[in-house]
PDB file of N, CA and C in Angstrom:
ATOM      1  N   MET A   1      37.183   4.962   4.972  1.00  0.00           N
ATOM      2  CA  MET A   1      38.368   5.667   5.173  1.00  0.00           C
ATOM      3  C   MET A   1      37.788   7.229   5.518  1.00  0.00           C
ATOM      4  N   MET A   2      37.982   8.197   6.613  1.00  0.00           N
ATOM      5  CA  MET A   2      37.197   9.365   6.619  1.00  0.00           C
ATOM      6  C   MET A   2      38.389  10.598   5.646  1.00  0.00           C
ATOM      7  N   THR A   3      37.713  11.435   5.233  1.00  0.00           N
ATOM      8  CA  THR A   3      38.515  12.274   4.251  1.00  0.00           C
ATOM      9  C   THR A   3      38.403  13.634   5.299  1.00  0.00           C
ATOM     10  N   ARG A   4      38.806  14.569   5.015  1.00  0.00           N
ATOM     11  CA  ARG A   4      38.955  15.618   5.670  1.00  0.00           C
ATOM     12  C   ARG A   4      39.558  16.661   4.481  1.00  0.00           C
ATOM     13  N   GLU A   5      38.911  17.809   4.985  1.00  0.00           N
ATOM     14  CA  GLU A   5      39.220  19.232   3.981  1.00  0.00           C
ATOM     15  C   GLU A   5      40.948  19.759   3.973  1.00  0.00           C
ATOM     16  N   VAL A   6      41.709  19.614   3.100  1.00  0.00           N
ATOM     17  CA  VAL A   6      42.967  20.087   3.424  1.00  0.00           C
ATOM     18  C   VAL A   6      42.920  21.327   3.777  1.00  0.00           C
ATOM     19  N   GLY A   7      43.693  21.625   4.995  1.00  0.00           N
ATOM     20  CA  GLY A   7      43.796  22.960   5.676  1.00  0.00           C
ATOM     21  C   GLY A   7      42.689  23.079   6.837  1.00  0.00           C
ATOM     22  N   ALA A   8      41.702  22.124   6.953  1.00  0.00           N
ATOM     23  CA  ALA A   8      40.678  22.213   8.079  1.00  0.00           C
ATOM     24  C   ALA A   8      41.281  21.742   9.366  1.00  0.00           C
ATOM     25  N   ARG A   9      40.913  22.491  10.292  1.00  0.00           N
ATOM     26  CA  ARG A   9      41.053  22.203  11.198  1.00  0.00           C
ATOM     27  C   ARG A   9      39.877  21.302  12.239  1.00  0.00           C
ATOM     28  N   PRO A  10      40.326  20.373  13.277  1.00  0.00           N
ATOM     29  CA  PRO A  10      39.574  19.504  13.542  1.00  0.00           C
ATOM     30  C   PRO A  10      38.392  20.613  14.718  1.00  0.00           C
ATOM     31  N   SER A  11      37.480  20.572  14.950  1.00  0.00           N
ATOM     32  CA  SER A  11      36.860  21.401  16.014  1.00  0.00           C
ATOM     33  C   SER A  11      37.414  21.284  17.325  1.00  0.00           C
ATOM     34  N   VAL A  12      37.726  22.340  18.234  1.00  0.00           N
ATOM     35  CA  VAL A  12      38.214  22.133  19.351  1.00  0.00           C
ATOM     36  C   VAL A  12      37.303  22.923  20.320  1.00  0.00           C
ATOM     37  N   GLU A  13      36.569  22.317  21.480  1.00  0.00           N
ATOM     38  CA  GLU A  13      35.689  23.115  22.761  1.00  0.00           C
ATOM     39  C   GLU A  13      36.999  23.999  23.291  1.00  0.00           C
ATOM     40  N   PRO A  14      36.454  24.945  23.631  1.00  0.00           N
ATOM     41  CA  PRO A  14      37.721  25.796  24.314  1.00  0.00           C
ATOM     42  C   PRO A  14      37.349  25.225  25.622  1.00  0.00           C
ATOM     43  N   VAL A  15      38.429  25.419  26.157  1.00  0.00           N
ATOM     44  CA  VAL A  15      38.847  25.310  27.617  1.00  0.00           C
ATOM     45  C   VAL A  15      38.126  26.141  28.897  1.00  0.00           C
ATOM     46  N   LYS A  16      37.986  25.747  29.699  1.00  0.00           N
ATOM     47  CA  LYS A  16      36.690  26.532  30.709  1.00  0.00           C
ATOM     48  C   LYS A  16      37.645  28.140  30.913  1.00  0.00           C
ATOM     49  N   GLY A  17      38.701  28.100  30.852  1.00  0.00           N
ATOM     50  CA  GLY A  17      39.311  29.436  31.079  1.00  0.00           C
ATOM     51  C   GLY A  17      39.336  30.038  29.860  1.00  0.00           C
ATOM     52  N   GLN A  18      39.194  29.897  28.897  1.00  0.00           N
ATOM     53  CA  GLN A  18      39.356  30.774  27.742  1.00  0.00           C
ATOM     54  C   GLN A  18      38.154  30.986  26.940  1.00  0.00           C
ATOM     55  N   ARG A  19      38.089  32.298  27.159  1.00  0.00           N
ATOM     56  CA  ARG A  19      36.696  33.301  27.086  1.00  0.00           C
ATOM     57  C   ARG A  19      36.333  32.977  25.827  1.00  0.00           C
ATOM     58  N   GLY A  20      35.521  31.943  25.263  1.00  0.00           N
ATOM     59  CA  GLY A  20      35.159  31.740  24.101  1.00  0.00           C
ATOM     60  C   GLY A  20      36.422  31.370  23.150  1.00  0.00           C
ATOM     61  N   GLY A  21      37.337  30.541  23.501  1.00  0.00           N
ATOM     62  CA  GLY A  21      38.413  30.433  23.078  1.00  0.00           C
ATOM     63  C   GLY A  21      39.267  31.369  22.276  1.00  0.00           C
ATOM     64  N   ALA A  22      39.162  32.569  22.968  1.00  0.00           N
ATOM     65  CA  ALA A  22      39.936  33.819  22.297  1.00  0.00           C
ATOM     66  C   ALA A  22      41.734  33.336  22.559  1.00  0.00           C
ATOM     67  N   PRO A  23      42.288  33.514  21.459  1.00  0.00           N
ATOM     68  CA  PRO A  23      44.111  32.935  21.663  1.00  0.00           C
ATOM     69  C   PRO A  23      44.715  33.693  23.296  1.00  0.00           C
ATOM     70  N   GLY A  24      45.742  32.730  22.963  1.00  0.00           N
ATOM     71  CA  GLY A  24      46.802  33.342  24.156  1.00  0.00           C
ATOM     72  C   GLY A  24      46.930  31.809  24.995  1.00  0.00           C
ATOM     73  N   TYR A  25      47.540  31.852  25.851  1.00  0.00           N
ATOM     74  CA  TYR A  25      48.389  30.495  26.556  1.00  0.00           C
ATOM     75  C   TYR A  25      47.500  29.959  27.681  1.00  0.00           C
ATOM     76  N   VAL A  26      47.179  28.681  27.610  1.00  0.00           N
ATOM     77  CA  VAL A  26      46.011  28.331  28.647  1.00  0.00           C
ATOM     78  C   VAL A  26      45.989  28.673  29.780  1.00  0.00           C
ATOM     79  N   TYR A  27      47.457  28.603  30.202  1.00  0.00           N
ATOM     80  CA  TYR A  27      48.388  28.804  31.735  1.00  0.00           C
ATOM     81  C   TYR A  27      47.708  30.237  32.192  1.00  0.00           C
ATOM     82  N   GLU A  28      47.680  31.350  31.130  1.00  0.00           N
ATOM     83  CA  GLU A  28      47.211  32.807  31.314  1.00  0.00           C
ATOM     84  C   GLU A  28      46.081  32.898  31.790  1.00  0.00           C
ATOM     85  N   TRP A  29      45.082  31.993  30.905  1.00  0.00           N
ATOM     86  CA  TRP A  29      43.740  32.080  31.056  1.00  0.00           C
ATOM     87  C   TRP A  29      43.201  31.572  32.253  1.00  0.00           C
ATOM     88  N   VAL A  30      44.007  30.329  32.887  1.00  0.00           N
ATOM     89  CA  VAL A  30      43.550  29.642  34.375  1.00  0.00           C
ATOM     90  C   VAL A  30      44.101  30.502  35.684  1.00  0.00           C
ATOM     91  N   ALA A  31      45.334  31.243  34.986  1.00  0.00           N
ATOM     92  CA  ALA A  31      45.610  31.992  36.089  1.00  0.00           C
ATOM     93  C   ALA A  31      44.880  33.402  36.523  1.00  0.00           C
ATOM     94  N   GLU A  32      44.347  33.693  35.024  1.00  0.00           N
ATOM     95  CA  GLU A  32      43.128  35.007  35.218  1.00  0.00           C
ATOM     96  C   GLU A  32      41.904  34.477  35.870  1.00  0.00           C
ATOM     97  N   ASP A  33      41.433  33.270  35.660  1.00  0.00           N
ATOM     98  CA  ASP A  33      40.256  33.281  36.383  1.00  0.00           C
ATOM     99  C   ASP A  33      40.681  32.803  37.691  1.00  0.00           C
ATOM    100  N   LEU A  34      41.524  31.828  38.495  1.00  0.00           N
ATOM    101  CA  LEU A  34      41.886  31.574  39.677  1.00  0.00           C
ATOM    102  C   LEU A  34      42.162  32.906  40.181  1.00  0.00           C
ATOM    103  N   ALA A  35      42.818  34.132  39.653  1.00  0.00           N
ATOM    104  CA  ALA A  35      43.049  35.477  40.197  1.00  0.00           C
ATOM    105  C   ALA A  35      41.470  36.047  40.415  1.00  0.00           C
ATOM    106  N   ALA A  36      40.708  35.942  39.337  1.00  0.00           N
ATOM    107  CA  ALA A  36      39.310  36.581  39.515  1.00  0.00           C
ATOM    108  C   ALA A  36      38.765  35.910  40.649  1.00  0.00           C
ATOM    109  N   ARG A  37      38.718  34.314  40.867  1.00  0.00           N
ATOM    110  CA  ARG A  37      38.159  33.988  42.148  1.00  0.00           C
ATOM    111  C   ARG A  37      38.765  34.392  43.325  1.00  0.00           C
ATOM    112  N   ILE A  38      40.035  34.782  43.699  1.00  0.00           N
ATOM    113  CA  ILE A  38      40.552  34.992  44.774  1.00  0.00           C
ATOM    114  C   ILE A  38      40.266  36.585  45.033  1.00  0.00           C
ATOM    115  N   GLU A  39      40.455  37.406  44.143  1.00  0.00           N
ATOM    116  CA  GLU A  39      39.603  38.893  44.473  1.00  0.00           C
ATOM    117  C   GLU A  39      38.287  38.869  44.467  1.00  0.00           C
ATOM    118  N   SER A  40      37.390  38.085  43.810  1.00  0.00           N
ATOM    119  CA  SER A  40      35.661  37.923  44.347  1.00  0.00           C
ATOM    120  C   SER A  40      35.830  37.260  45.818  1.00  0.00           C
ATOM    121  N   GLY A  41      36.641  36.928  46.565  1.00  0.00           N
ATOM    122  CA  GLY A  41      36.523  36.440  47.637  1.00  0.00           C
ATOM    123  C   GLY A  41      35.964  35.148  47.730  1.00  0.00           C
ATOM    124  N   GLU A  42      35.714  34.288  46.464  1.00  0.00           N
ATOM    125  CA  GLU A  42      35.559  33.207  46.027  1.00  0.00           C
ATOM    126  C   GLU A  42      36.474  32.001  46.833  1.00  0.00           C
ATOM    127  N   LEU A  43      37.521  32.265  46.689  1.00  0.00           N
ATOM    128  CA  LEU A  43      38.890  32.080  47.377  1.00  0.00           C
ATOM    129  C   LEU A  43      39.104  32.842  48.170  1.00  0.00           C
ATOM    130  N   ALA A  44      38.947  32.613  49.765  1.00  0.00           N
ATOM    131  CA  ALA A  44      39.639  33.467  50.649  1.00  0.00           C
ATOM    132  C   ALA A  44      40.564  33.443  51.405  1.00  0.00           C
ATOM    133  N   PRO A  45      41.393  34.330  51.700  1.00  0.00           N
ATOM    134  CA  PRO A  45      42.738  34.315  52.137  1.00  0.00           C
ATOM    135  C   PRO A  45      43.318  33.346  53.040  1.00  0.00           C
ATOM    136  N   THR A  46      44.099  32.701  53.149  1.00  0.00           N
ATOM    137  CA  THR A  46      44.627  31.491  53.783  1.00  0.00           C
ATOM    138  C   THR A  46      44.155  30.234  53.281  1.00  0.00           C
ATOM    139  N   GLU A  47      42.927  30.602  52.374  1.00  0.00           N
ATOM    140  CA  GLU A  47      41.992  29.255  52.068  1.00  0.00           C
ATOM    141  C   GLU A  47      43.193  28.372  51.238  1.00  0.00           C
ATOM    142  N   ALA A  48      43.086  27.030  50.996  1.00  0.00           N
ATOM    143  CA  ALA A  48      43.886  26.029  50.333  1.00  0.00           C
ATOM    144  C   ALA A  48      43.262  25.948  49.240  1.00  0.00           C
ATOM    145  N   LEU A  49      44.228  26.202  47.995  1.00  0.00           N
ATOM    146  CA  LEU A  49      43.504  25.750  46.461  1.00  0.00           C
ATOM    147  C   LEU A  49      43.366  24.392  46.301  1.00  0.00           C
ATOM    148  N   PRO A  50      42.488  23.610  45.421  1.00  0.00           N
ATOM    149  CA  PRO A  50      42.297  22.501  44.822  1.00  0.00           C
ATOM    150  C   PRO A  50      43.733  22.039  44.528  1.00  0.00           C
ATOM    151  N   SER A  51      43.751  20.619  44.710  1.00  0.00           N
ATOM    152  CA  SER A  51      45.203  19.782  44.266  1.00  0.00           C
ATOM    153  C   SER A  51      45.193  20.518  42.679  1.00  0.00           C
ATOM    154  N   GLU A  52      46.769  20.174  42.413  1.00  0.00           N
ATOM    155  CA  GLU A  52      46.798  20.860  40.674  1.00  0.00           C
ATOM    156  C   GLU A  52      45.956  19.808  40.072  1.00  0.00           C
ATOM    157  N   ARG A  53      46.036  18.731  40.418  1.00  0.00           N
ATOM    158  CA  ARG A  53      45.307  17.600  39.762  1.00  0.00           C
ATOM    159  C   ARG A  53      43.762  17.677  39.307  1.00  0.00           C
ATOM    160  N   ASP A  54      43.567  18.139  40.533  1.00  0.00           N
ATOM    161  CA  ASP A  54      41.713  18.392  40.565  1.00  0.00           C
ATOM    162  C   ASP A  54      41.469  20.065  39.666  1.00  0.00           C
ATOM    163  N   LEU A  55      42.327  20.872  39.525  1.00  0.00           N
ATOM    164  CA  LEU A  55      42.262  22.076  38.726  1.00  0.00           C
ATOM    165  C   LEU A  55      42.736  21.683  37.539  1.00  0.00           C
ATOM    166  N   ALA A  56      43.509  20.777  37.096  1.00  0.00           N
ATOM    167  CA  ALA A  56      43.688  20.055  35.969  1.00  0.00           C
ATOM    168  C   ALA A  56      42.443  19.794  35.459  1.00  0.00           C
ATOM    169  N   GLN A  57      41.673  18.945  36.456  1.00  0.00           N
ATOM    170  CA  GLN A  57      40.640  18.096  35.567  1.00  0.00           C
ATOM    171  C   GLN A  57      39.617  19.442  35.521  1.00  0.00           C
ATOM    172  N   GLU A  58      39.560  20.284  36.654  1.00  0.00           N
ATOM    173  CA  GLU A  58      38.313  21.326  36.894  1.00  0.00           C
ATOM    174  C   GLU A  58      38.167  22.181  35.572  1.00  0.00           C
ATOM    175  N   TYR A  59      39.355  22.438  34.944  1.00  0.00           N
ATOM    176  CA  TYR A  59      39.784  23.263  33.548  1.00  0.00           C
ATOM    177  C   TYR A  59      40.042  22.449  32.214  1.00  0.00           C
ATOM    178  N   GLY A  60      40.114  21.505  32.370  1.00  0.00           N
ATOM    179  CA  GLY A  60      40.147  20.688  31.419  1.00  0.00           C
ATOM    180  C   GLY A  60      41.444  20.651  30.483  1.00  0.00           C
ATOM    181  N   VAL A  61      42.858  21.057  31.357  1.00  0.00           N
ATOM    182  CA  VAL A  61      43.982  21.375  30.934  1.00  0.00           C
ATOM    183  C   VAL A  61      44.889  20.424  31.338  1.00  0.00           C
ATOM    184  N   SER A  62      46.325  20.659  30.894  1.00  0.00           N
ATOM    185  CA  SER A  62      47.076  19.891  31.386  1.00  0.00           C
ATOM    186  C   SER A  62      47.699  19.869  33.014  1.00  0.00           C
ATOM    187  N   LEU A  63      48.456  19.312  33.273  1.00  0.00           N
ATOM    188  CA  LEU A  63      49.134  19.615  34.883  1.00  0.00           C
ATOM    189  C   LEU A  63      49.850  20.194  34.587  1.00  0.00           C
ATOM    190  N   GLY A  64      50.751  20.464  33.883  1.00  0.00           N
ATOM    191  CA  GLY A  64      51.980  21.744  33.396  1.00  0.00           C
ATOM    192  C   GLY A  64      51.149  23.015  33.196  1.00  0.00           C
ATOM    193  N   SER A  65      49.832  23.108  32.395  1.00  0.00           N
ATOM    194  CA  SER A  65      49.348  24.294  32.422  1.00  0.00           C
ATOM    195  C   SER A  65      49.130  24.879  33.615  1.00  0.00           C
ATOM    196  N   VAL A  66      48.272  23.710  34.728  1.00  0.00           N
ATOM    197  CA  VAL A  66      48.089  24.666  36.040  1.00  0.00           C
ATOM    198  C   VAL A  66      49.317  24.788  36.800  1.00  0.00           C
ATOM    199  N   ARG A  67      50.204  24.022  36.620  1.00  0.00           N
ATOM    200  CA  ARG A  67      51.737  24.437  37.415  1.00  0.00           C
ATOM    201  C   ARG A  67      52.079  26.085  36.999  1.00  0.00           C
ATOM    202  N   HIS A  68      52.108  25.848  35.740  1.00  0.00           N
ATOM    203  CA  HIS A  68      52.368  27.261  35.193  1.00  0.00           C
ATOM    204  C   HIS A  68      51.537  28.278  35.876  1.00  0.00           C
ATOM    205  N   ALA A  69      50.305  28.214  35.670  1.00  0.00           N
ATOM    206  CA  ALA A  69      49.226  29.345  36.147  1.00  0.00           C
ATOM    207  C   ALA A  69      49.566  29.416  37.941  1.00  0.00           C
ATOM    208  N   THR A  70      50.069  28.171  38.388  1.00  0.00           N
ATOM    209  CA  THR A  70      50.256  28.681  40.282  1.00  0.00           C
ATOM    210  C   THR A  70      51.492  29.218  40.054  1.00  0.00           C
ATOM    211  N   ARG A  71      52.305  29.335  39.431  1.00  0.00           N
ATOM    212  CA  ARG A  71      53.831  29.665  39.499  1.00  0.00           C
ATOM    213  C   ARG A  71      53.597  31.306  38.851  1.00  0.00           C
ATOM    214  N   LEU A  72      52.777  31.559  38.297  1.00  0.00           N
ATOM    215  CA  LEU A  72      52.682  32.854  37.734  1.00  0.00           C
ATOM    216  C   LEU A  72      51.665  33.715  38.701  1.00  0.00           C
ATOM    217  N   LEU A  73      50.938  33.025  39.601  1.00  0.00           N
ATOM    218  CA  LEU A  73      50.229  33.816  40.583  1.00  0.00           C
ATOM    219  C   LEU A  73      51.257  33.795  42.006  1.00  0.00           C
ATOM    220  N   ARG A  74      52.056  32.895  42.027  1.00  0.00           N
ATOM    221  CA  ARG A  74      53.040  33.157  43.020  1.00  0.00           C
ATOM    222  C   ARG A  74      53.815  34.422  42.956  1.00  0.00           C
ATOM    223  N   PHE A  75      54.445  34.500  41.691  1.00  0.00           N
ATOM    224  CA  PHE A  75      55.303  35.860  41.190  1.00  0.00           C
ATOM    225  C   PHE A  75      53.984  37.017  41.387  1.00  0.00           C
ATOM    226  N   ARG A  76      53.005  36.919  41.000  1.00  0.00           N
ATOM    227  CA  ARG A  76      51.863  37.979  41.457  1.00  0.00           C
ATOM    228  C   ARG A  76      51.911  38.392  42.910  1.00  0.00           C
ATOM    229  N   GLY A  77      52.138  37.335  43.420  1.00  0.00           N
ATOM    230  CA  GLY A  77      51.910  37.471  45.193  1.00  0.00           C
ATOM    231  C   GLY A  77      50.747  36.998  45.561  1.00  0.00           C
ATOM    232  N   LEU A  78      50.059  36.281  44.939  1.00  0.00           N
ATOM    233  CA  LEU A  78      48.255  35.969  45.257  1.00  0.00           C
ATOM    234  C   LEU A  78      48.293  34.709  45.877  1.00  0.00           C
ATOM    235  N   VAL A  79      49.275  33.799  45.291  1.00  0.00           N
ATOM    236  CA  VAL A  79      49.215  32.780  46.357  1.00  0.00           C
ATOM    237  C   VAL A  79      50.744  32.189  47.167  1.00  0.00           C
ATOM    238  N   ILE A  80      50.722  31.445  47.672  1.00  0.00           N
ATOM    239  CA  ILE A  80      51.552  30.838  48.733  1.00  0.00           C
ATOM    240  C   ILE A  80      51.930  29.181  48.476  1.00  0.00           C
ATOM    241  N   THR A  81      53.009  28.880  48.111  1.00  0.00           N
ATOM    242  CA  THR A  81      53.175  27.159  47.832  1.00  0.00           C
ATOM    243  C   THR A  81      53.951  26.820  49.002  1.00  0.00           C
ATOM    244  N   LEU A  82      53.630  25.912  49.817  1.00  0.00           N
ATOM    245  CA  LEU A  82      54.281  25.332  50.715  1.00  0.00           C
ATOM    246  C   LEU A  82      54.520  23.507  50.637  1.00  0.00           C
ATOM    247  N   ARG A  83      55.973  23.121  50.431  1.00  0.00           N
ATOM    248  CA  ARG A  83      56.265  21.972  49.641  1.00  0.00           C
ATOM    249  C   ARG A  83      55.359  21.018  50.451  1.00  0.00           C
ATOM    250  N   SER A  84      54.947  19.904  49.795  1.00  0.00           N
ATOM    251  CA  SER A  84      54.391  19.025  50.474  1.00  0.00           C
ATOM    252  C   SER A  84      52.761  19.088  51.329  1.00  0.00           C
ATOM    253  N   LYS A  85      52.500  20.634  51.170  1.00  0.00           N
ATOM    254  CA  LYS A  85      51.252  20.900  51.862  1.00  0.00           C
ATOM    255  C   LYS A  85      50.417  21.440  50.845  1.00  0.00           C
ATOM    256  N   GLY A  86      50.553  22.207  49.886  1.00  0.00           N
ATOM    257  CA  GLY A  86      49.759  22.565  48.886  1.00  0.00           C
ATOM    258  C   GLY A  86      50.104  24.281  48.730  1.00  0.00           C
ATOM    259  N   THR A  87      48.910  24.627  47.929  1.00  0.00           N
ATOM    260  CA  THR A  87      48.805  26.151  47.678  1.00  0.00           C
ATOM    261  C   THR A  87      47.899  27.074  48.103  1.00  0.00           C
ATOM    262  N   TYR A  88      48.312  27.745  48.696  1.00  0.00           N
ATOM    263  CA  TYR A  88      47.102  28.627  49.512  1.00  0.00           C
ATOM    264  C   TYR A  88      47.197  29.932  49.087  1.00  0.00           C
ATOM    265  N   VAL A  89      45.662  30.587  49.407  1.00  0.00           N
ATOM    266  CA  VAL A  89      45.840  32.151  48.944  1.00  0.00           C
ATOM    267  C   VAL A  89      46.589  32.937  49.986  1.00  0.00           C
ATOM    268  N   ALA A  90      47.065  33.889  49.532  1.00  0.00           N
ATOM    269  CA  ALA A  90      47.908  34.365  50.149  1.00  0.00           C
ATOM    270  C   ALA A  90      47.286  35.566  51.212  1.00  0.00           C
ATOM    271  N   PRO A  91      47.791  35.948  52.226  1.00  0.00           N
ATOM    272  CA  PRO A  91      46.970  36.645  52.974  1.00  0.00           C
ATOM    273  C   PRO A  91      46.956  38.257  52.817  1.00  0.00           C
ATOM    274  N   ARG A  92      45.568  39.013  52.777  1.00  0.00           N
ATOM    275  CA  ARG A  92      45.717  40.015  52.308  1.00  0.00           C
ATOM    276  C   ARG A  92      46.839  41.208  53.003  1.00  0.00           C
ATOM    277  N   GLN A  93      47.383  42.194  52.229  1.00  0.00           N
ATOM    278  CA  GLN A  93      48.213  42.945  52.816  1.00  0.00           C
ATOM    279  C   GLN A  93      47.546  44.163  53.000  1.00  0.00           C
ATOM    280  N   THR A  94      47.750  44.881  54.234  1.00  0.00           N
ATOM    281  CA  THR A  94      47.061  45.983  54.635  1.00  0.00           C
ATOM    282  C   THR A  94      47.754  47.148  54.837  1.00  0.00           C
ATOM    283  N   THR A  95      47.209  48.337  54.599  1.00  0.00           N
ATOM    284  CA  THR A  95      48.274  49.669  54.900  1.00  0.00           C
ATOM    285  C   THR A  95      48.384  50.182  55.826  1.00  0.00           C
ATOM    286  N   LYS A  96      48.676  51.504  56.476  1.00  0.00           N
ATOM    287  CA  LYS A  96      48.647  51.667  57.750  1.00  0.00           C
ATOM    288  C   LYS A  96      47.028  52.323  57.848  1.00  0.00           C
ATOM    289  N   ASP A  97      46.408  52.639  56.901  1.00  0.00           N
ATOM    290  CA  ASP A  97      44.810  53.230  56.912  1.00  0.00           C
ATOM    291  C   ASP A  97      44.307  52.076  57.238  1.00  0.00           C
ATOM    292  N   GLY A  98      44.567  50.794  57.209  1.00  0.00           N
ATOM    293  CA  GLY A  98      43.636  49.264  57.460  1.00  0.00           C
ATOM    294  C   GLY A  98      42.760  49.303  56.188  1.00  0.00           C
ATOM    295  N   VAL A  99      43.380  49.238  54.931  1.00  0.00           N
ATOM    296  CA  VAL A  99      42.931  49.205  53.319  1.00  0.00           C
ATOM    297  C   VAL A  99      43.193  48.112  52.988  1.00  0.00           C
TER     298      VAL A  99
END
């Protein structure tokens, strides 16, 4: 029989998006990482994001966390989701100056 110290928490490795296991909601870290990938150009405008299942596996999180993250990115205007088609990086908006 295994014994465990009272009050001790099992060691859990941080998920990819959590910088060193910092506190916060998992979906926020996933959303921030995807936003950084979009801003850096790794994910180009109009490019399809990997499927939600693939992202969940890549980040080691639940499907619900990925769905919440993509919802947050949609709210921020970074991605567009087309029903039965997938989620795509939103085209970049340009101003009159072309910036």
